[in-house]
Amino acid sequence: MSNTELSIEAELELLQRQSVSYVLHETNPANGLVIDKTAPDWPASIAATGFALATDPVGVERGFMSRAAAVERTLATLRFFWNSSHGPEPDASGYQGFCYHFLDMRTGRRGTARDWK
């Protein structure tokens, strides 16, 4: 293995460690929602939450988190979406099988852009 390959592996591990760290620190453990960016009172996003679901197996494989912790986190997220409010109401979490992109970190309800400015 060349020095370049070792460097690429080290960079990959650093990127994975930082990604898992972000997810671990920016997730609401009660519902599994992940904040979209680290600004005060910013909403969760479906993109960040989906990223977290994909990050957990990497975290387990690399030894950054236990399998039990990853299972607990994944189940919290899936249970939230299974039980969340779906309908035409302006504060529902989703509608017709799709979730809104931005959701309140605590309640999981849809809000408007002015809610997070």
N, C-alpha and C. Protein backbone atom coordinates (compact mmCIF):
# COMPACT_ATOMS: atom_id res chain seq x y z
N MET A 1 0.85 -1.17 0.00
CA MET A 1 0.00 0.00 0.00
C MET A 1 0.90 1.24 0.00
N SER A 2 0.60 2.20 -0.84
CA SER A 2 1.44 3.40 -0.94
C SER A 2 1.04 4.44 0.11
N ASN A 3 1.89 5.44 0.27
CA ASN A 3 1.59 6.53 1.20
C ASN A 3 0.32 7.28 0.80
N THR A 4 0.07 7.39 -0.49
CA THR A 4 -1.13 8.07 -0.97
C THR A 4 -2.38 7.33 -0.51
N GLU A 5 -2.38 6.02 -0.62
CA GLU A 5 -3.53 5.24 -0.19
C GLU A 5 -3.77 5.36 1.31
N LEU A 6 -2.70 5.37 2.08
CA LEU A 6 -2.84 5.55 3.53
C LEU A 6 -3.43 6.92 3.83
N SER A 7 -2.99 7.93 3.11
CA SER A 7 -3.49 9.28 3.31
C SER A 7 -4.98 9.36 2.97
N ILE A 8 -5.38 8.71 1.89
CA ILE A 8 -6.79 8.69 1.50
C ILE A 8 -7.62 7.97 2.57
N GLU A 9 -7.12 6.86 3.07
CA GLU A 9 -7.83 6.13 4.13
C GLU A 9 -7.95 6.98 5.39
N ALA A 10 -6.89 7.69 5.75
CA ALA A 10 -6.93 8.56 6.94
C ALA A 10 -7.93 9.70 6.75
N GLU A 11 -7.96 10.27 5.56
CA GLU A 11 -8.92 11.34 5.28
C GLU A 11 -10.35 10.82 5.31
N LEU A 12 -10.56 9.63 4.77
CA LEU A 12 -11.89 9.03 4.79
C LEU A 12 -12.34 8.78 6.23
N GLU A 13 -11.45 8.26 7.05
CA GLU A 13 -11.83 8.02 8.45
C GLU A 13 -12.15 9.32 9.17
N LEU A 14 -11.39 10.38 8.91
CA LEU A 14 -11.66 11.68 9.53
C LEU A 14 -13.03 12.21 9.09
N LEU A 15 -13.32 12.12 7.81
CA LEU A 15 -14.62 12.57 7.31
C LEU A 15 -15.75 11.77 7.93
N GLN A 16 -15.58 10.47 8.02
CA GLN A 16 -16.61 9.63 8.63
C GLN A 16 -16.78 9.96 10.11
N ARG A 17 -15.69 10.15 10.82
CA ARG A 17 -15.75 10.47 12.24
C ARG A 17 -16.48 11.81 12.46
N GLN A 18 -16.16 12.80 11.63
CA GLN A 18 -16.80 14.11 11.76
C GLN A 18 -18.29 14.04 11.41
N SER A 19 -18.63 13.27 10.41
CA SER A 19 -20.04 13.12 10.02
C SER A 19 -20.84 12.44 11.12
N VAL A 20 -20.31 11.38 11.66
CA VAL A 20 -20.99 10.68 12.76
C VAL A 20 -21.08 11.60 13.98
N SER A 21 -20.04 12.34 14.26
CA SER A 21 -20.05 13.26 15.41
C SER A 21 -21.15 14.31 15.25
N TYR A 22 -21.28 14.88 14.05
CA TYR A 22 -22.34 15.86 13.81
C TYR A 22 -23.71 15.25 14.10
N VAL A 23 -23.94 14.08 13.55
CA VAL A 23 -25.23 13.42 13.73
C VAL A 23 -25.49 13.11 15.21
N LEU A 24 -24.48 12.63 15.91
CA LEU A 24 -24.66 12.30 17.33
C LEU A 24 -25.00 13.53 18.17
N HIS A 25 -24.41 14.65 17.82
CA HIS A 25 -24.61 15.86 18.62
C HIS A 25 -25.80 16.70 18.19
N GLU A 26 -26.30 16.50 16.99
CA GLU A 26 -27.36 17.36 16.47
C GLU A 26 -28.68 16.65 16.25
N THR A 27 -28.86 15.51 16.87
CA THR A 27 -30.10 14.74 16.75
C THR A 27 -30.93 14.89 18.02
N ASN A 28 -32.23 15.04 17.84
CA ASN A 28 -33.13 15.00 18.98
C ASN A 28 -33.37 13.51 19.28
N PRO A 29 -32.88 13.01 20.41
CA PRO A 29 -33.00 11.58 20.69
C PRO A 29 -34.44 11.11 20.86
N ALA A 30 -35.35 12.03 21.17
CA ALA A 30 -36.75 11.64 21.37
C ALA A 30 -37.44 11.29 20.06
N ASN A 31 -37.05 11.95 18.95
CA ASN A 31 -37.76 11.69 17.69
C ASN A 31 -36.82 11.37 16.52
N GLY A 32 -35.53 11.46 16.72
CA GLY A 32 -34.57 11.13 15.66
C GLY A 32 -34.37 12.21 14.62
N LEU A 33 -35.01 13.37 14.78
CA LEU A 33 -34.84 14.45 13.81
C LEU A 33 -33.48 15.10 13.99
N VAL A 34 -32.88 15.51 12.88
CA VAL A 34 -31.55 16.10 12.89
C VAL A 34 -31.63 17.53 12.38
N ILE A 35 -31.04 18.44 13.13
CA ILE A 35 -31.05 19.85 12.75
C ILE A 35 -30.34 20.04 11.42
N ASP A 36 -30.89 20.94 10.59
CA ASP A 36 -30.35 21.15 9.26
C ASP A 36 -29.02 21.90 9.27
N LYS A 37 -28.87 22.83 10.19
CA LYS A 37 -27.60 23.52 10.38
C LYS A 37 -27.54 23.99 11.83
N THR A 38 -26.37 24.29 12.31
CA THR A 38 -26.20 24.58 13.73
C THR A 38 -26.43 26.05 14.05
N ALA A 39 -27.55 26.59 13.63
CA ALA A 39 -27.96 27.94 14.00
C ALA A 39 -29.02 27.83 15.09
N PRO A 40 -29.08 28.82 15.98
CA PRO A 40 -30.07 28.74 17.06
C PRO A 40 -31.50 28.59 16.53
N ASP A 41 -32.24 27.69 17.12
CA ASP A 41 -33.65 27.46 16.79
C ASP A 41 -33.88 27.10 15.33
N TRP A 42 -32.92 26.49 14.68
CA TRP A 42 -33.08 26.09 13.28
C TRP A 42 -33.88 24.80 13.21
N PRO A 43 -34.59 24.54 12.12
CA PRO A 43 -35.40 23.33 12.03
C PRO A 43 -34.57 22.10 11.68
N ALA A 44 -35.20 20.97 11.86
CA ALA A 44 -34.66 19.71 11.36
C ALA A 44 -34.99 19.64 9.87
N SER A 45 -34.27 18.84 9.15
CA SER A 45 -34.62 18.61 7.75
C SER A 45 -34.68 17.11 7.48
N ILE A 46 -35.49 16.77 6.51
CA ILE A 46 -35.59 15.38 6.09
C ILE A 46 -34.25 14.92 5.53
N ALA A 47 -33.55 15.82 4.84
CA ALA A 47 -32.25 15.47 4.27
C ALA A 47 -31.25 15.11 5.37
N ALA A 48 -31.15 15.94 6.40
CA ALA A 48 -30.22 15.66 7.49
C ALA A 48 -30.62 14.41 8.24
N THR A 49 -31.91 14.21 8.41
CA THR A 49 -32.39 13.02 9.12
C THR A 49 -32.10 11.76 8.30
N GLY A 50 -32.30 11.82 7.01
CA GLY A 50 -31.95 10.69 6.15
C GLY A 50 -30.45 10.41 6.16
N PHE A 51 -29.67 11.49 6.18
CA PHE A 51 -28.21 11.35 6.27
C PHE A 51 -27.84 10.61 7.55
N ALA A 52 -28.53 10.93 8.64
CA ALA A 52 -28.25 10.27 9.92
C ALA A 52 -28.54 8.78 9.84
N LEU A 53 -29.64 8.42 9.18
CA LEU A 53 -29.96 7.00 9.05
C LEU A 53 -28.89 6.25 8.26
N ALA A 54 -28.30 6.92 7.28
CA ALA A 54 -27.22 6.30 6.51
C ALA A 54 -25.89 6.33 7.25
N THR A 55 -25.74 7.26 8.17
CA THR A 55 -24.50 7.42 8.92
C THR A 55 -24.36 6.39 10.04
N ASP A 56 -25.46 6.00 10.64
CA ASP A 56 -25.40 5.07 11.77
C ASP A 56 -24.65 3.77 11.46
N PRO A 57 -24.92 3.11 10.34
CA PRO A 57 -24.16 1.88 10.05
C PRO A 57 -22.66 2.13 9.89
N VAL A 58 -22.31 3.28 9.32
CA VAL A 58 -20.89 3.63 9.19
C VAL A 58 -20.28 3.81 10.58
N GLY A 59 -21.02 4.50 11.44
CA GLY A 59 -20.55 4.70 12.81
C GLY A 59 -20.32 3.40 13.55
N VAL A 60 -21.21 2.44 13.35
CA VAL A 60 -21.05 1.13 13.99
C VAL A 60 -19.85 0.40 13.40
N GLU A 61 -19.78 0.36 12.08
CA GLU A 61 -18.69 -0.36 11.40
C GLU A 61 -17.32 0.20 11.79
N ARG A 62 -17.24 1.51 11.93
CA ARG A 62 -15.96 2.15 12.26
C ARG A 62 -15.68 2.20 13.76
N GLY A 63 -16.64 1.78 14.58
CA GLY A 63 -16.44 1.77 16.02
C GLY A 63 -16.67 3.12 16.69
N PHE A 64 -17.39 4.03 16.02
CA PHE A 64 -17.67 5.35 16.58
C PHE A 64 -18.90 5.31 17.49
N MET A 65 -19.72 4.27 17.37
CA MET A 65 -20.91 4.10 18.21
C MET A 65 -21.22 2.62 18.30
N SER A 66 -21.97 2.28 19.32
CA SER A 66 -22.33 0.86 19.48
C SER A 66 -23.51 0.51 18.57
N ARG A 67 -23.62 -0.76 18.29
CA ARG A 67 -24.75 -1.22 17.48
C ARG A 67 -26.06 -0.95 18.21
N ALA A 68 -26.08 -1.15 19.51
CA ALA A 68 -27.29 -0.91 20.30
C ALA A 68 -27.72 0.56 20.21
N ALA A 69 -26.76 1.46 20.27
CA ALA A 69 -27.08 2.90 20.16
C ALA A 69 -27.64 3.22 18.77
N ALA A 70 -27.06 2.64 17.74
CA ALA A 70 -27.54 2.87 16.38
C ALA A 70 -28.95 2.32 16.20
N VAL A 71 -29.22 1.16 16.75
CA VAL A 71 -30.56 0.58 16.66
C VAL A 71 -31.56 1.47 17.37
N GLU A 72 -31.22 1.93 18.56
CA GLU A 72 -32.11 2.80 19.34
C GLU A 72 -32.42 4.09 18.57
N ARG A 73 -31.38 4.69 17.98
CA ARG A 73 -31.55 5.93 17.23
C ARG A 73 -32.43 5.70 15.99
N THR A 74 -32.17 4.63 15.27
CA THR A 74 -32.93 4.33 14.06
C THR A 74 -34.39 4.07 14.39
N LEU A 75 -34.64 3.30 15.43
CA LEU A 75 -36.03 3.00 15.82
C LEU A 75 -36.76 4.26 16.26
N ALA A 76 -36.10 5.17 16.97
CA ALA A 76 -36.73 6.43 17.39
C ALA A 76 -37.17 7.22 16.16
N THR A 77 -36.32 7.27 15.15
CA THR A 77 -36.64 8.00 13.92
C THR A 77 -37.80 7.35 13.18
N LEU A 78 -37.72 6.05 12.99
CA LEU A 78 -38.78 5.35 12.26
C LEU A 78 -40.11 5.41 12.99
N ARG A 79 -40.09 5.29 14.30
CA ARG A 79 -41.34 5.38 15.08
C ARG A 79 -41.94 6.78 14.97
N PHE A 80 -41.08 7.80 15.00
CA PHE A 80 -41.59 9.16 14.86
C PHE A 80 -42.33 9.31 13.53
N PHE A 81 -41.71 8.91 12.44
CA PHE A 81 -42.35 9.09 11.14
C PHE A 81 -43.59 8.22 11.00
N TRP A 82 -43.58 7.05 11.56
CA TRP A 82 -44.75 6.16 11.51
C TRP A 82 -45.94 6.79 12.23
N ASN A 83 -45.66 7.42 13.36
CA ASN A 83 -46.72 7.98 14.20
C ASN A 83 -47.00 9.46 13.96
N SER A 84 -46.24 10.12 13.11
CA SER A 84 -46.41 11.56 12.93
C SER A 84 -47.70 11.89 12.17
N SER A 85 -48.13 13.11 12.35
CA SER A 85 -49.35 13.60 11.73
C SER A 85 -49.15 13.84 10.24
N HIS A 86 -50.02 13.24 9.43
CA HIS A 86 -49.99 13.45 7.98
C HIS A 86 -51.37 13.92 7.54
N GLY A 87 -51.38 14.97 6.77
CA GLY A 87 -52.64 15.50 6.27
C GLY A 87 -52.45 16.90 5.73
N PRO A 88 -53.53 17.52 5.30
CA PRO A 88 -53.45 18.85 4.69
C PRO A 88 -53.27 19.99 5.70
N GLU A 89 -53.32 19.68 6.99
CA GLU A 89 -53.18 20.72 8.00
C GLU A 89 -51.81 21.42 7.85
N PRO A 90 -51.76 22.73 8.09
CA PRO A 90 -50.50 23.47 7.87
C PRO A 90 -49.36 23.06 8.81
N ASP A 91 -49.67 22.39 9.92
CA ASP A 91 -48.61 21.99 10.84
C ASP A 91 -48.37 20.48 10.87
N ALA A 92 -48.91 19.76 9.89
CA ALA A 92 -48.68 18.31 9.82
C ALA A 92 -47.23 18.05 9.45
N SER A 93 -46.74 16.86 9.75
CA SER A 93 -45.36 16.49 9.41
C SER A 93 -45.21 16.10 7.95
N GLY A 94 -46.30 15.67 7.34
CA GLY A 94 -46.25 15.27 5.94
C GLY A 94 -47.64 15.17 5.36
N TYR A 95 -47.67 14.78 4.10
CA TYR A 95 -48.95 14.68 3.41
C TYR A 95 -48.83 13.67 2.28
N GLN A 96 -49.80 12.79 2.17
CA GLN A 96 -49.90 11.78 1.12
C GLN A 96 -48.62 10.96 0.96
N GLY A 97 -48.06 10.55 2.09
CA GLY A 97 -46.90 9.67 2.06
C GLY A 97 -45.55 10.36 1.99
N PHE A 98 -45.55 11.68 1.89
CA PHE A 98 -44.30 12.43 1.83
C PHE A 98 -44.16 13.31 3.06
N CYS A 99 -42.94 13.48 3.54
CA CYS A 99 -42.70 14.35 4.68
C CYS A 99 -42.22 15.70 4.18
N TYR A 100 -42.62 16.74 4.89
CA TYR A 100 -42.16 18.08 4.54
C TYR A 100 -40.67 18.18 4.83
N HIS A 101 -39.99 19.03 4.07
CA HIS A 101 -38.53 19.10 4.18
C HIS A 101 -38.07 19.63 5.53
N PHE A 102 -38.65 20.72 6.01
CA PHE A 102 -38.26 21.30 7.29
C PHE A 102 -39.33 21.03 8.35
N LEU A 103 -38.88 20.52 9.49
CA LEU A 103 -39.77 20.21 10.61
C LEU A 103 -39.19 20.79 11.89
N ASP A 104 -40.06 21.16 12.80
CA ASP A 104 -39.61 21.65 14.09
C ASP A 104 -38.83 20.54 14.80
N MET A 105 -37.68 20.88 15.34
CA MET A 105 -36.82 19.88 16.00
C MET A 105 -37.50 19.18 17.17
N ARG A 106 -38.33 19.89 17.90
CA ARG A 106 -38.94 19.31 19.10
C ARG A 106 -40.24 18.57 18.79
N THR A 107 -41.10 19.21 17.99
CA THR A 107 -42.43 18.64 17.77
C THR A 107 -42.53 17.80 16.50
N GLY A 108 -41.66 18.06 15.53
CA GLY A 108 -41.74 17.37 14.26
C GLY A 108 -42.81 17.92 13.34
N ARG A 109 -43.41 19.03 13.74
CA ARG A 109 -44.46 19.64 12.93
C ARG A 109 -43.86 20.58 11.89
N ARG A 110 -44.54 20.68 10.77
CA ARG A 110 -44.13 21.60 9.71
C ARG A 110 -44.32 23.03 10.19
N GLY A 111 -43.43 23.88 9.77
CA GLY A 111 -43.55 25.30 10.06
C GLY A 111 -43.33 26.08 8.78
N THR A 112 -43.22 27.37 8.91
CA THR A 112 -42.95 28.21 7.75
C THR A 112 -41.54 28.77 7.88
N ALA A 113 -41.01 29.32 6.80
CA ALA A 113 -39.66 29.87 6.81
C ALA A 113 -39.53 30.96 7.88
N ARG A 114 -40.57 31.74 8.11
CA ARG A 114 -40.47 32.81 9.11
C ARG A 114 -40.33 32.26 10.53
N ASP A 115 -40.74 31.01 10.73
CA ASP A 115 -40.59 30.40 12.05
C ASP A 115 -39.13 30.24 12.44
N TRP A 116 -38.22 30.20 11.46
CA TRP A 116 -36.83 29.90 11.74
C TRP A 116 -35.87 31.02 11.36
N LYS A 117 -36.38 32.22 11.16
CA LYS A 117 -35.49 33.35 10.84
C LYS A 117 -34.98 34.00 12.08
